[in-house]
Amino acid sequence: MPEITSIDALESTPHAEVFDVDEPRTVRLQLEADDRMPKHRHPESNVVLYVLEGTLELTLGNQSYDLEQGAVVRFDGDQPISPHALTASAALLVFSPKTES
């Protein structure tokens, strides 16, 4: 059977685990306007970020990207990442383990 949940039911901030399983880790990130996550990495993962609401400035490495509701970004988690909420924002992130090629 599939696992079904509601994004609106996830109340932990800034991170809420969507499912109880580790892989792929799925998190809802919720930030108030002007909140910023410090630069960090997820070196073992490829990451997909989907903006559910609001506007985020996403810093990846030395580049910044303004993302609005509906934007989807896929990136290598080995680079420094720092999301900054330009407005109250929520995003869904999926951390997919890297596989050996």
C-alpha atoms as a PDB file:
ATOM      1  CA  MET A   1       0.000   0.000   0.000  1.00  0.00           C
ATOM      2  CA  PRO A   2       1.219   3.531  -0.667  1.00  0.00           C
ATOM      3  CA  GLU A   3       1.956   6.004   2.100  1.00  0.00           C
ATOM      4  CA  ILE A   4      -0.305   9.041   1.804  1.00  0.00           C
ATOM      5  CA  THR A   5       0.028  12.228   3.815  1.00  0.00           C
ATOM      6  CA  SER A   6      -1.013  15.865   3.637  1.00  0.00           C
ATOM      7  CA  ILE A   7       1.623  18.592   3.418  1.00  0.00           C
ATOM      8  CA  ASP A   8      -0.672  20.817   5.500  1.00  0.00           C
ATOM      9  CA  ALA A   9      -0.628  18.255   8.340  1.00  0.00           C
ATOM     10  CA  LEU A  10       3.140  18.658   8.801  1.00  0.00           C
ATOM     11  CA  GLU A  11       3.542  21.168  11.602  1.00  0.00           C
ATOM     12  CA  SER A  12       7.220  21.000  12.650  1.00  0.00           C
ATOM     13  CA  THR A  13       9.306  24.015  11.621  1.00  0.00           C
ATOM     14  CA  PRO A  14      11.580  24.662   9.942  1.00  0.00           C
ATOM     15  CA  HIS A  15      11.862  20.950   8.968  1.00  0.00           C
ATOM     16  CA  ALA A  16       9.087  18.365   9.009  1.00  0.00           C
ATOM     17  CA  GLU A  17       9.808  14.800   7.909  1.00  0.00           C
ATOM     18  CA  VAL A  18       7.117  13.754   5.434  1.00  0.00           C
ATOM     19  CA  PHE A  19       7.589   9.988   5.861  1.00  0.00           C
ATOM     20  CA  ASP A  20       9.113   7.848   8.608  1.00  0.00           C
ATOM     21  CA  VAL A  21      11.544   6.165   6.193  1.00  0.00           C
ATOM     22  CA  ASP A  22      15.068   7.449   5.602  1.00  0.00           C
ATOM     23  CA  GLU A  23      15.363   6.980   1.845  1.00  0.00           C
ATOM     24  CA  PRO A  24      14.547   8.936  -0.034  1.00  0.00           C
ATOM     25  CA  ARG A  25      14.338  11.434   2.798  1.00  0.00           C
ATOM     26  CA  THR A  26      11.492  13.864   2.164  1.00  0.00           C
ATOM     27  CA  VAL A  27      11.162  17.078   4.161  1.00  0.00           C
ATOM     28  CA  ARG A  28       8.836  20.054   4.184  1.00  0.00           C
ATOM     29  CA  LEU A  29      10.837  23.234   4.846  1.00  0.00           C
ATOM     30  CA  GLN A  30       8.855  26.179   6.185  1.00  0.00           C
ATOM     31  CA  LEU A  31      10.455  29.589   6.685  1.00  0.00           C
ATOM     32  CA  GLU A  32       9.043  32.925   7.764  1.00  0.00           C
ATOM     33  CA  ALA A  33       9.881  36.014   5.692  1.00  0.00           C
ATOM     34  CA  ASP A  34      13.624  36.812   5.918  1.00  0.00           C
ATOM     35  CA  ASP A  35      14.488  33.490   7.633  1.00  0.00           C
ATOM     36  CA  ARG A  36      17.659  31.938   6.245  1.00  0.00           C
ATOM     37  CA  MET A  37      19.170  28.493   6.679  1.00  0.00           C
ATOM     38  CA  PRO A  38      22.944  28.664   7.138  1.00  0.00           C
ATOM     39  CA  LYS A  39      25.113  27.257   4.367  1.00  0.00           C
ATOM     40  CA  HIS A  40      25.317  23.490   4.615  1.00  0.00           C
ATOM     41  CA  ARG A  41      25.744  20.417   2.409  1.00  0.00           C
ATOM     42  CA  HIS A  42      24.056  17.091   1.766  1.00  0.00           C
ATOM     43  CA  PRO A  43      27.060  15.328   0.163  1.00  0.00           C
ATOM     44  CA  GLU A  44      25.477  11.872  -0.005  1.00  0.00           C
ATOM     45  CA  SER A  45      22.378  13.075  -1.885  1.00  0.00           C
ATOM     46  CA  ASN A  46      20.997  14.466  -5.077  1.00  0.00           C
ATOM     47  CA  VAL A  47      18.358  16.985  -4.043  1.00  0.00           C
ATOM     48  CA  VAL A  48      15.052  18.095  -5.563  1.00  0.00           C
ATOM     49  CA  LEU A  49      13.465  21.255  -4.139  1.00  0.00           C
ATOM     50  CA  TYR A  50       9.880  22.200  -5.045  1.00  0.00           C
ATOM     51  CA  VAL A  51       8.569  25.591  -3.893  1.00  0.00           C
ATOM     52  CA  LEU A  52       5.055  25.064  -2.514  1.00  0.00           C
ATOM     53  CA  GLU A  53       4.390  28.703  -1.611  1.00  0.00           C
ATOM     54  CA  GLY A  54       6.198  32.000  -1.294  1.00  0.00           C
ATOM     55  CA  THR A  55       9.490  33.174  -2.789  1.00  0.00           C
ATOM     56  CA  LEU A  56      12.922  31.769  -1.939  1.00  0.00           C
ATOM     57  CA  GLU A  57      16.379  32.983  -2.787  1.00  0.00           C
ATOM     58  CA  LEU A  58      18.356  29.757  -3.097  1.00  0.00           C
ATOM     59  CA  THR A  59      22.131  30.026  -2.877  1.00  0.00           C
ATOM     60  CA  LEU A  60      23.922  27.046  -4.425  1.00  0.00           C
ATOM     61  CA  GLY A  61      27.683  27.328  -4.266  1.00  0.00           C
ATOM     62  CA  ASN A  62      28.453  30.882  -5.410  1.00  0.00           C
ATOM     63  CA  GLN A  63      25.220  31.401  -7.393  1.00  0.00           C
ATOM     64  CA  SER A  64      21.839  32.652  -6.162  1.00  0.00           C
ATOM     65  CA  TYR A  65      18.466  31.905  -7.739  1.00  0.00           C
ATOM     66  CA  ASP A  66      15.100  33.547  -7.017  1.00  0.00           C
ATOM     67  CA  LEU A  67      12.431  30.845  -6.960  1.00  0.00           C
ATOM     68  CA  GLU A  68       8.683  31.395  -6.890  1.00  0.00           C
ATOM     69  CA  GLN A  69       5.801  29.049  -6.124  1.00  0.00           C
ATOM     70  CA  GLY A  70       5.833  26.105  -8.535  1.00  0.00           C
ATOM     71  CA  ALA A  71       9.578  26.226  -9.257  1.00  0.00           C
ATOM     72  CA  VAL A  72      11.453  22.905  -9.140  1.00  0.00           C
ATOM     73  CA  VAL A  73      15.243  22.697  -8.784  1.00  0.00           C
ATOM     74  CA  ARG A  74      17.424  19.578  -8.938  1.00  0.00           C
ATOM     75  CA  PHE A  75      21.038  19.779  -7.742  1.00  0.00           C
ATOM     76  CA  ASP A  76      23.991  17.876  -6.308  1.00  0.00           C
ATOM     77  CA  GLY A  77      23.884  18.116  -2.516  1.00  0.00           C
ATOM     78  CA  ASP A  78      27.671  18.254  -2.314  1.00  0.00           C
ATOM     79  CA  GLN A  79      27.659  22.009  -2.980  1.00  0.00           C
ATOM     80  CA  PRO A  80      26.865  24.522  -0.240  1.00  0.00           C
ATOM     81  CA  ILE A  81      23.150  25.370  -0.065  1.00  0.00           C
ATOM     82  CA  SER A  82      21.425  28.201   1.795  1.00  0.00           C
ATOM     83  CA  PRO A  83      17.714  28.937   1.288  1.00  0.00           C
ATOM     84  CA  HIS A  84      16.546  32.436   2.252  1.00  0.00           C
ATOM     85  CA  ALA A  85      12.819  33.224   2.423  1.00  0.00           C
ATOM     86  CA  LEU A  86      12.064  36.509   0.664  1.00  0.00           C
ATOM     87  CA  THR A  87       8.431  36.001   1.745  1.00  0.00           C
ATOM     88  CA  ALA A  88       6.893  33.406   4.070  1.00  0.00           C
ATOM     89  CA  SER A  89       7.677  30.210   2.182  1.00  0.00           C
ATOM     90  CA  ALA A  90       7.298  26.459   2.161  1.00  0.00           C
ATOM     91  CA  ALA A  91       9.179  23.959   0.021  1.00  0.00           C
ATOM     92  CA  LEU A  92       9.267  20.200  -0.352  1.00  0.00           C
ATOM     93  CA  LEU A  93      12.734  18.655  -0.529  1.00  0.00           C
ATOM     94  CA  VAL A  94      13.601  15.118  -1.572  1.00  0.00           C
ATOM     95  CA  PHE A  95      17.084  13.787  -0.778  1.00  0.00           C
ATOM     96  CA  SER A  96      17.847  10.875  -3.077  1.00  0.00           C
ATOM     97  CA  PRO A  97      20.929   8.812  -2.168  1.00  0.00           C
ATOM     98  CA  LYS A  98      23.695   8.950  -4.750  1.00  0.00           C
ATOM     99  CA  THR A  99      24.484   5.675  -6.423  1.00  0.00           C
ATOM    100  CA  GLU A 100      27.838   4.404  -7.592  1.00  0.00           C
ATOM    101  CA  SER A 101      28.275   4.749 -11.365  1.00  0.00           C
END
